[in-house]
Amino acid sequence: MPKMQTTIRLEEEDYKQAREILEFVGMSYAQAINIFNRMVVLNHGLPFDAKIPNKKTLAAMKEAKELKGEFTTLDALKSERAAVSN
């Protein structure tokens, strides 16, 4: 299938974080976008539900923003992965 080049505008911090996460799992940003596009075509729409969060989800989001509860960082996950690999 022929390829085409396109330009999109993204939030810079989201883009940087997404690239780092995708790199961590061994995928390029372009590969992820191609998968997303393919899934939109196969699903004839978004490949996930786009819903307004319920009260439980909103509470979890608030907790995450306030750094309450259990959470980890990408660096911690990388360290954990490296320890398992060795």
PDB file of N, CA and C in Angstrom:
ATOM      1  N   MET A   1       0.854  -1.173   0.000  1.00  0.00           N
ATOM      2  CA  MET A   1       0.000   0.000   0.000  1.00  0.00           C
ATOM      3  C   MET A   1       0.901   1.238   0.000  1.00  0.00           C
ATOM      4  N   PRO A   2       0.639   2.196  -0.876  1.00  0.00           N
ATOM      5  CA  PRO A   2       1.476   3.399  -0.914  1.00  0.00           C
ATOM      6  C   PRO A   2       1.356   4.193   0.386  1.00  0.00           C
ATOM      7  N   LYS A   3       2.437   4.851   0.747  1.00  0.00           N
ATOM      8  CA  LYS A   3       2.474   5.683   1.950  1.00  0.00           C
ATOM      9  C   LYS A   3       2.325   7.142   1.550  1.00  0.00           C
ATOM     10  N   MET A   4       1.810   7.941   2.482  1.00  0.00           N
ATOM     11  CA  MET A   4       1.738   9.385   2.256  1.00  0.00           C
ATOM     12  C   MET A   4       2.229  10.091   3.516  1.00  0.00           C
ATOM     13  N   GLN A   5       2.725  11.265   3.347  1.00  0.00           N
ATOM     14  CA  GLN A   5       3.192  12.054   4.473  1.00  0.00           C
ATOM     15  C   GLN A   5       2.125  13.058   4.852  1.00  0.00           C
ATOM     16  N   THR A   6       1.980  13.279   6.157  1.00  0.00           N
ATOM     17  CA  THR A   6       0.997  14.235   6.652  1.00  0.00           C
ATOM     18  C   THR A   6       1.599  15.012   7.814  1.00  0.00           C
ATOM     19  N   THR A   7       0.986  16.088   8.167  1.00  0.00           N
ATOM     20  CA  THR A   7       1.431  16.894   9.303  1.00  0.00           C
ATOM     21  C   THR A   7       0.264  17.038  10.267  1.00  0.00           C
ATOM     22  N   ILE A   8       0.549  16.835  11.547  1.00  0.00           N
ATOM     23  CA  ILE A   8      -0.479  17.017  12.569  1.00  0.00           C
ATOM     24  C   ILE A   8       0.085  17.892  13.678  1.00  0.00           C
ATOM     25  N   ARG A   9      -0.783  18.580  14.379  1.00  0.00           N
ATOM     26  CA  ARG A   9      -0.365  19.420  15.500  1.00  0.00           C
ATOM     27  C   ARG A   9      -0.805  18.729  16.785  1.00  0.00           C
ATOM     28  N   LEU A  10       0.148  18.553  17.700  1.00  0.00           N
ATOM     29  CA  LEU A  10      -0.102  17.850  18.953  1.00  0.00           C
ATOM     30  C   LEU A  10       0.373  18.688  20.124  1.00  0.00           C
ATOM     31  N   GLU A  11      -0.167  18.375  21.293  1.00  0.00           N
ATOM     32  CA  GLU A  11       0.360  18.977  22.513  1.00  0.00           C
ATOM     33  C   GLU A  11       1.781  18.444  22.704  1.00  0.00           C
ATOM     34  N   GLU A  12       2.742  19.329  22.857  1.00  0.00           N
ATOM     35  CA  GLU A  12       4.146  18.939  22.885  1.00  0.00           C
ATOM     36  C   GLU A  12       4.462  17.940  23.990  1.00  0.00           C
ATOM     37  N   GLU A  13       3.992  18.184  25.197  1.00  0.00           N
ATOM     38  CA  GLU A  13       4.325  17.288  26.314  1.00  0.00           C
ATOM     39  C   GLU A  13       3.697  15.910  26.123  1.00  0.00           C
ATOM     40  N   ASP A  14       2.462  15.867  25.635  1.00  0.00           N
ATOM     41  CA  ASP A  14       1.812  14.583  25.358  1.00  0.00           C
ATOM     42  C   ASP A  14       2.598  13.800  24.309  1.00  0.00           C
ATOM     43  N   TYR A  15       3.023  14.500  23.262  1.00  0.00           N
ATOM     44  CA  TYR A  15       3.792  13.873  22.192  1.00  0.00           C
ATOM     45  C   TYR A  15       5.090  13.271  22.737  1.00  0.00           C
ATOM     46  N   LYS A  16       5.812  14.042  23.542  1.00  0.00           N
ATOM     47  CA  LYS A  16       7.081  13.567  24.095  1.00  0.00           C
ATOM     48  C   LYS A  16       6.864  12.340  24.973  1.00  0.00           C
ATOM     49  N   GLN A  17       5.839  12.383  25.823  1.00  0.00           N
ATOM     50  CA  GLN A  17       5.561  11.249  26.700  1.00  0.00           C
ATOM     51  C   GLN A  17       5.145  10.024  25.897  1.00  0.00           C
ATOM     52  N   ALA A  18       4.319  10.226  24.888  1.00  0.00           N
ATOM     53  CA  ALA A  18       3.878   9.106  24.051  1.00  0.00           C
ATOM     54  C   ALA A  18       5.065   8.468  23.338  1.00  0.00           C
ATOM     55  N   ARG A  19       5.948   9.269  22.789  1.00  0.00           N
ATOM     56  CA  ARG A  19       7.128   8.722  22.096  1.00  0.00           C
ATOM     57  C   ARG A  19       7.992   7.915  23.053  1.00  0.00           C
ATOM     58  N   GLU A  20       8.169   8.417  24.263  1.00  0.00           N
ATOM     59  CA  GLU A  20       8.988   7.714  25.251  1.00  0.00           C
ATOM     60  C   GLU A  20       8.348   6.374  25.615  1.00  0.00           C
ATOM     61  N   ILE A  21       7.049   6.371  25.826  1.00  0.00           N
ATOM     62  CA  ILE A  21       6.349   5.130  26.166  1.00  0.00           C
ATOM     63  C   ILE A  21       6.415   4.148  25.006  1.00  0.00           C
ATOM     64  N   LEU A  22       6.163   4.617  23.807  1.00  0.00           N
ATOM     65  CA  LEU A  22       6.207   3.741  22.639  1.00  0.00           C
ATOM     66  C   LEU A  22       7.607   3.174  22.413  1.00  0.00           C
ATOM     67  N   GLU A  23       8.615   3.998  22.618  1.00  0.00           N
ATOM     68  CA  GLU A  23       9.997   3.530  22.501  1.00  0.00           C
ATOM     69  C   GLU A  23      10.267   2.427  23.527  1.00  0.00           C
ATOM     70  N   PHE A  24       9.738   2.601  24.722  1.00  0.00           N
ATOM     71  CA  PHE A  24       9.904   1.615  25.793  1.00  0.00           C
ATOM     72  C   PHE A  24       9.341   0.251  25.392  1.00  0.00           C
ATOM     73  N   VAL A  25       8.235   0.248  24.648  1.00  0.00           N
ATOM     74  CA  VAL A  25       7.637  -1.021  24.217  1.00  0.00           C
ATOM     75  C   VAL A  25       8.114  -1.452  22.832  1.00  0.00           C
ATOM     76  N   GLY A  26       9.082  -0.723  22.278  1.00  0.00           N
ATOM     77  CA  GLY A  26       9.693  -1.134  21.014  1.00  0.00           C
ATOM     78  C   GLY A  26       8.914  -0.735  19.771  1.00  0.00           C
ATOM     79  N   MET A  27       8.184   0.367  19.851  1.00  0.00           N
ATOM     80  CA  MET A  27       7.363   0.793  18.721  1.00  0.00           C
ATOM     81  C   MET A  27       7.656   2.256  18.403  1.00  0.00           C
ATOM     82  N   SER A  28       7.679   2.571  17.128  1.00  0.00           N
ATOM     83  CA  SER A  28       7.863   3.965  16.734  1.00  0.00           C
ATOM     84  C   SER A  28       6.526   4.694  16.789  1.00  0.00           C
ATOM     85  N   TYR A  29       6.589   6.000  16.833  1.00  0.00           N
ATOM     86  CA  TYR A  29       5.366   6.808  16.838  1.00  0.00           C
ATOM     87  C   TYR A  29       4.584   6.571  15.546  1.00  0.00           C
ATOM     88  N   ALA A  30       5.294   6.507  14.429  1.00  0.00           N
ATOM     89  CA  ALA A  30       4.637   6.279  13.137  1.00  0.00           C
ATOM     90  C   ALA A  30       3.928   4.920  13.121  1.00  0.00           C
ATOM     91  N   GLN A  31       4.553   3.890  13.685  1.00  0.00           N
ATOM     92  CA  GLN A  31       3.911   2.573  13.748  1.00  0.00           C
ATOM     93  C   GLN A  31       2.615   2.641  14.569  1.00  0.00           C
ATOM     94  N   ALA A  32       2.658   3.351  15.694  1.00  0.00           N
ATOM     95  CA  ALA A  32       1.473   3.475  16.541  1.00  0.00           C
ATOM     96  C   ALA A  32       0.354   4.208  15.810  1.00  0.00           C
ATOM     97  N   ILE A  33       0.702   5.261  15.085  1.00  0.00           N
ATOM     98  CA  ILE A  33      -0.302   6.013  14.328  1.00  0.00           C
ATOM     99  C   ILE A  33      -0.885   5.140  13.222  1.00  0.00           C
ATOM    100  N   ASN A  34      -0.040   4.348  12.563  1.00  0.00           N
ATOM    101  CA  ASN A  34      -0.540   3.453  11.519  1.00  0.00           C
ATOM    102  C   ASN A  34      -1.498   2.412  12.098  1.00  0.00           C
ATOM    103  N   ILE A  35      -1.188   1.883  13.278  1.00  0.00           N
ATOM    104  CA  ILE A  35      -2.089   0.938  13.935  1.00  0.00           C
ATOM    105  C   ILE A  35      -3.414   1.623  14.260  1.00  0.00           C
ATOM    106  N   PHE A  36      -3.330   2.824  14.821  1.00  0.00           N
ATOM    107  CA  PHE A  36      -4.548   3.573  15.138  1.00  0.00           C
ATOM    108  C   PHE A  36      -5.396   3.780  13.894  1.00  0.00           C
ATOM    109  N   ASN A  37      -4.776   4.232  12.797  1.00  0.00           N
ATOM    110  CA  ASN A  37      -5.513   4.457  11.557  1.00  0.00           C
ATOM    111  C   ASN A  37      -6.161   3.172  11.056  1.00  0.00           C
ATOM    112  N   ARG A  38      -5.423   2.063  11.089  1.00  0.00           N
ATOM    113  CA  ARG A  38      -5.958   0.784  10.635  1.00  0.00           C
ATOM    114  C   ARG A  38      -7.172   0.388  11.485  1.00  0.00           C
ATOM    115  N   MET A  39      -7.073   0.595  12.810  1.00  0.00           N
ATOM    116  CA  MET A  39      -8.183   0.232  13.699  1.00  0.00           C
ATOM    117  C   MET A  39      -9.406   1.111  13.458  1.00  0.00           C
ATOM    118  N   VAL A  40      -9.199   2.388  13.132  1.00  0.00           N
ATOM    119  CA  VAL A  40     -10.325   3.264  12.789  1.00  0.00           C
ATOM    120  C   VAL A  40     -11.030   2.714  11.556  1.00  0.00           C
ATOM    121  N   VAL A  41     -10.264   2.314  10.557  1.00  0.00           N
ATOM    122  CA  VAL A  41     -10.842   1.756   9.338  1.00  0.00           C
ATOM    123  C   VAL A  41     -11.585   0.458   9.644  1.00  0.00           C
ATOM    124  N   LEU A  42     -10.955  -0.450  10.386  1.00  0.00           N
ATOM    125  CA  LEU A  42     -11.575  -1.745  10.692  1.00  0.00           C
ATOM    126  C   LEU A  42     -12.836  -1.606  11.539  1.00  0.00           C
ATOM    127  N   ASN A  43     -12.847  -0.613  12.449  1.00  0.00           N
ATOM    128  CA  ASN A  43     -13.989  -0.400  13.335  1.00  0.00           C
ATOM    129  C   ASN A  43     -15.026   0.563  12.770  1.00  0.00           C
ATOM    130  N   HIS A  44     -14.705   1.175  11.637  1.00  0.00           N
ATOM    131  CA  HIS A  44     -15.570   2.216  11.066  1.00  0.00           C
ATOM    132  C   HIS A  44     -15.846   3.302  12.106  1.00  0.00           C
ATOM    133  N   GLY A  45     -14.816   3.656  12.865  1.00  0.00           N
ATOM    134  CA  GLY A  45     -14.918   4.672  13.911  1.00  0.00           C
ATOM    135  C   GLY A  45     -13.758   4.513  14.874  1.00  0.00           C
ATOM    136  N   LEU A  46     -13.834   5.196  15.977  1.00  0.00           N
ATOM    137  CA  LEU A  46     -12.769   5.104  16.974  1.00  0.00           C
ATOM    138  C   LEU A  46     -12.659   3.678  17.507  1.00  0.00           C
ATOM    139  N   PRO A  47     -11.441   3.202  17.737  1.00  0.00           N
ATOM    140  CA  PRO A  47     -11.264   1.833  18.228  1.00  0.00           C
ATOM    141  C   PRO A  47     -11.433   1.710  19.743  1.00  0.00           C
ATOM    142  N   PHE A  48     -12.104   2.664  20.346  1.00  0.00           N
ATOM    143  CA  PHE A  48     -12.354   2.649  21.784  1.00  0.00           C
ATOM    144  C   PHE A  48     -13.589   3.492  22.052  1.00  0.00           C
ATOM    145  N   ASP A  49     -14.179   3.285  23.206  1.00  0.00           N
ATOM    146  CA  ASP A  49     -15.331   4.093  23.588  1.00  0.00           C
ATOM    147  C   ASP A  49     -14.866   5.478  24.022  1.00  0.00           C
ATOM    148  N   ALA A  50     -15.512   6.492  23.509  1.00  0.00           N
ATOM    149  CA  ALA A  50     -15.228   7.867  23.922  1.00  0.00           C
ATOM    150  C   ALA A  50     -16.406   8.314  24.779  1.00  0.00           C
ATOM    151  N   LYS A  51     -16.266   8.126  26.072  1.00  0.00           N
ATOM    152  CA  LYS A  51     -17.361   8.411  26.987  1.00  0.00           C
ATOM    153  C   LYS A  51     -16.937   9.437  28.025  1.00  0.00           C
ATOM    154  N   ILE A  52     -17.903  10.093  28.598  1.00  0.00           N
ATOM    155  CA  ILE A  52     -17.649  10.993  29.713  1.00  0.00           C
ATOM    156  C   ILE A  52     -17.404  10.113  30.939  1.00  0.00           C
ATOM    157  N   PRO A  53     -16.331  10.366  31.688  1.00  0.00           N
ATOM    158  CA  PRO A  53     -16.021   9.516  32.845  1.00  0.00           C
ATOM    159  C   PRO A  53     -17.123   9.528  33.898  1.00  0.00           C
ATOM    160  N   ASN A  54     -17.326   8.364  34.545  1.00  0.00           N
ATOM    161  CA  ASN A  54     -18.306   8.285  35.628  1.00  0.00           C
ATOM    162  C   ASN A  54     -17.678   8.798  36.931  1.00  0.00           C
ATOM    163  N   LYS A  55     -18.451   8.812  38.009  1.00  0.00           N
ATOM    164  CA  LYS A  55     -17.970   9.371  39.281  1.00  0.00           C
ATOM    165  C   LYS A  55     -16.742   8.633  39.805  1.00  0.00           C
ATOM    166  N   LYS A  56     -16.737   7.307  39.678  1.00  0.00           N
ATOM    167  CA  LYS A  56     -15.597   6.512  40.170  1.00  0.00           C
ATOM    168  C   LYS A  56     -14.324   6.862  39.387  1.00  0.00           C
ATOM    169  N   THR A  57     -14.451   6.987  38.079  1.00  0.00           N
ATOM    170  CA  THR A  57     -13.302   7.336  37.248  1.00  0.00           C
ATOM    171  C   THR A  57     -12.836   8.756  37.541  1.00  0.00           C
ATOM    172  N   LEU A  58     -13.777   9.682  37.696  1.00  0.00           N
ATOM    173  CA  LEU A  58     -13.413  11.069  38.027  1.00  0.00           C
ATOM    174  C   LEU A  58     -12.670  11.137  39.359  1.00  0.00           C
ATOM    175  N   ALA A  59     -13.109  10.343  40.346  1.00  0.00           N
ATOM    176  CA  ALA A  59     -12.429  10.320  41.639  1.00  0.00           C
ATOM    177  C   ALA A  59     -11.011   9.775  41.486  1.00  0.00           C
ATOM    178  N   ALA A  60     -10.845   8.741  40.663  1.00  0.00           N
ATOM    179  CA  ALA A  60      -9.514   8.171  40.426  1.00  0.00           C
ATOM    180  C   ALA A  60      -8.619   9.171  39.711  1.00  0.00           C
ATOM    181  N   MET A  61      -9.183   9.908  38.763  1.00  0.00           N
ATOM    182  CA  MET A  61      -8.400  10.916  38.044  1.00  0.00           C
ATOM    183  C   MET A  61      -7.955  12.029  38.996  1.00  0.00           C
ATOM    184  N   LYS A  62      -8.846  12.439  39.889  1.00  0.00           N
ATOM    185  CA  LYS A  62      -8.515  13.474  40.866  1.00  0.00           C
ATOM    186  C   LYS A  62      -7.414  12.976  41.795  1.00  0.00           C
ATOM    187  N   GLU A  63      -7.537  11.738  42.235  1.00  0.00           N
ATOM    188  CA  GLU A  63      -6.523  11.144  43.111  1.00  0.00           C
ATOM    189  C   GLU A  63      -5.163  11.113  42.414  1.00  0.00           C
ATOM    190  N   ALA A  64      -5.155  10.756  41.138  1.00  0.00           N
ATOM    191  CA  ALA A  64      -3.904  10.703  40.387  1.00  0.00           C
ATOM    192  C   ALA A  64      -3.282  12.088  40.249  1.00  0.00           C
ATOM    193  N   LYS A  65      -4.112  13.091  39.979  1.00  0.00           N
ATOM    194  CA  LYS A  65      -3.600  14.459  39.843  1.00  0.00           C
ATOM    195  C   LYS A  65      -3.006  14.961  41.152  1.00  0.00           C
ATOM    196  N   GLU A  66      -3.583  14.523  42.261  1.00  0.00           N
ATOM    197  CA  GLU A  66      -3.107  14.956  43.577  1.00  0.00           C
ATOM    198  C   GLU A  66      -1.999  14.044  44.104  1.00  0.00           C
ATOM    199  N   LEU A  67      -1.586  13.082  43.284  1.00  0.00           N
ATOM    200  CA  LEU A  67      -0.523  12.133  43.626  1.00  0.00           C
ATOM    201  C   LEU A  67      -0.831  11.369  44.908  1.00  0.00           C
ATOM    202  N   LYS A  68      -2.093  10.983  45.076  1.00  0.00           N
ATOM    203  CA  LYS A  68      -2.500  10.173  46.212  1.00  0.00           C
ATOM    204  C   LYS A  68      -2.596   8.724  45.739  1.00  0.00           C
ATOM    205  N   GLY A  69      -2.533   7.796  46.674  1.00  0.00           N
ATOM    206  CA  GLY A  69      -2.659   6.387  46.315  1.00  0.00           C
ATOM    207  C   GLY A  69      -1.366   5.856  45.739  1.00  0.00           C
ATOM    208  N   GLU A  70      -1.444   4.673  45.169  1.00  0.00           N
ATOM    209  CA  GLU A  70      -0.255   4.043  44.586  1.00  0.00           C
ATOM    210  C   GLU A  70      -0.073   4.502  43.150  1.00  0.00           C
ATOM    211  N   PHE A  71       1.157   4.777  42.778  1.00  0.00           N
ATOM    212  CA  PHE A  71       1.477   5.123  41.406  1.00  0.00           C
ATOM    213  C   PHE A  71       2.945   4.820  41.167  1.00  0.00           C
ATOM    214  N   THR A  72       3.328   4.791  39.918  1.00  0.00           N
ATOM    215  CA  THR A  72       4.715   4.563  39.564  1.00  0.00           C
ATOM    216  C   THR A  72       5.094   5.537  38.461  1.00  0.00           C
ATOM    217  N   THR A  73       6.373   5.567  38.151  1.00  0.00           N
ATOM    218  CA  THR A  73       6.858   6.435  37.088  1.00  0.00           C
ATOM    219  C   THR A  73       7.411   5.569  35.970  1.00  0.00           C
ATOM    220  N   LEU A  74       7.599   6.169  34.814  1.00  0.00           N
ATOM    221  CA  LEU A  74       8.184   5.450  33.693  1.00  0.00           C
ATOM    222  C   LEU A  74       9.601   5.013  34.045  1.00  0.00           C
ATOM    223  N   ASP A  75      10.353   5.862  34.748  1.00  0.00           N
ATOM    224  CA  ASP A  75      11.714   5.496  35.153  1.00  0.00           C
ATOM    225  C   ASP A  75      11.711   4.272  36.074  1.00  0.00           C
ATOM    226  N   ALA A  76      10.741   4.201  36.988  1.00  0.00           N
ATOM    227  CA  ALA A  76      10.639   3.043  37.882  1.00  0.00           C
ATOM    228  C   ALA A  76      10.324   1.785  37.090  1.00  0.00           C
ATOM    229  N   LEU A  77       9.441   1.895  36.112  1.00  0.00           N
ATOM    230  CA  LEU A  77       9.134   0.731  35.263  1.00  0.00           C
ATOM    231  C   LEU A  77      10.335   0.273  34.470  1.00  0.00           C
ATOM    232  N   LYS A  78      11.118   1.238  33.957  1.00  0.00           N
ATOM    233  CA  LYS A  78      12.336   0.901  33.212  1.00  0.00           C
ATOM    234  C   LYS A  78      13.334   0.182  34.115  1.00  0.00           C
ATOM    235  N   SER A  79      13.512   0.688  35.335  1.00  0.00           N
ATOM    236  CA  SER A  79      14.438   0.065  36.286  1.00  0.00           C
ATOM    237  C   SER A  79      13.997  -1.345  36.612  1.00  0.00           C
ATOM    238  N   GLU A  80      12.704  -1.513  36.818  1.00  0.00           N
ATOM    239  CA  GLU A  80      12.144  -2.825  37.121  1.00  0.00           C
ATOM    240  C   GLU A  80      12.367  -3.784  35.957  1.00  0.00           C
ATOM    241  N   ARG A  81      12.158  -3.304  34.757  1.00  0.00           N
ATOM    242  CA  ARG A  81      12.359  -4.132  33.558  1.00  0.00           C
ATOM    243  C   ARG A  81      13.832  -4.526  33.431  1.00  0.00           C
ATOM    244  N   ALA A  82      14.729  -3.554  33.673  1.00  0.00           N
ATOM    245  CA  ALA A  82      16.159  -3.840  33.585  1.00  0.00           C
ATOM    246  C   ALA A  82      16.587  -4.878  34.620  1.00  0.00           C
ATOM    247  N   ALA A  83      16.016  -4.788  35.828  1.00  0.00           N
ATOM    248  CA  ALA A  83      16.356  -5.741  36.891  1.00  0.00           C
ATOM    249  C   ALA A  83      15.890  -7.137  36.522  1.00  0.00           C
ATOM    250  N   VAL A  84      14.732  -7.260  35.897  1.00  0.00           N
ATOM    251  CA  VAL A  84      14.202  -8.562  35.491  1.00  0.00           C
ATOM    252  C   VAL A  84      15.024  -9.144  34.347  1.00  0.00           C
ATOM    253  N   SER A  85      15.507  -8.278  33.463  1.00  0.00           N
ATOM    254  CA  SER A  85      16.292  -8.727  32.294  1.00  0.00           C
ATOM    255  C   SER A  85      17.658  -9.257  32.703  1.00  0.00           C
ATOM    256  N   ASN A  86      18.187  -8.769  33.813  1.00  0.00           N
ATOM    257  CA  ASN A  86      19.547  -9.166  34.235  1.00  0.00           C
ATOM    258  C   ASN A  86      19.553 -10.385  35.069  1.00  0.00           C
TER     259      ASN A  86
END
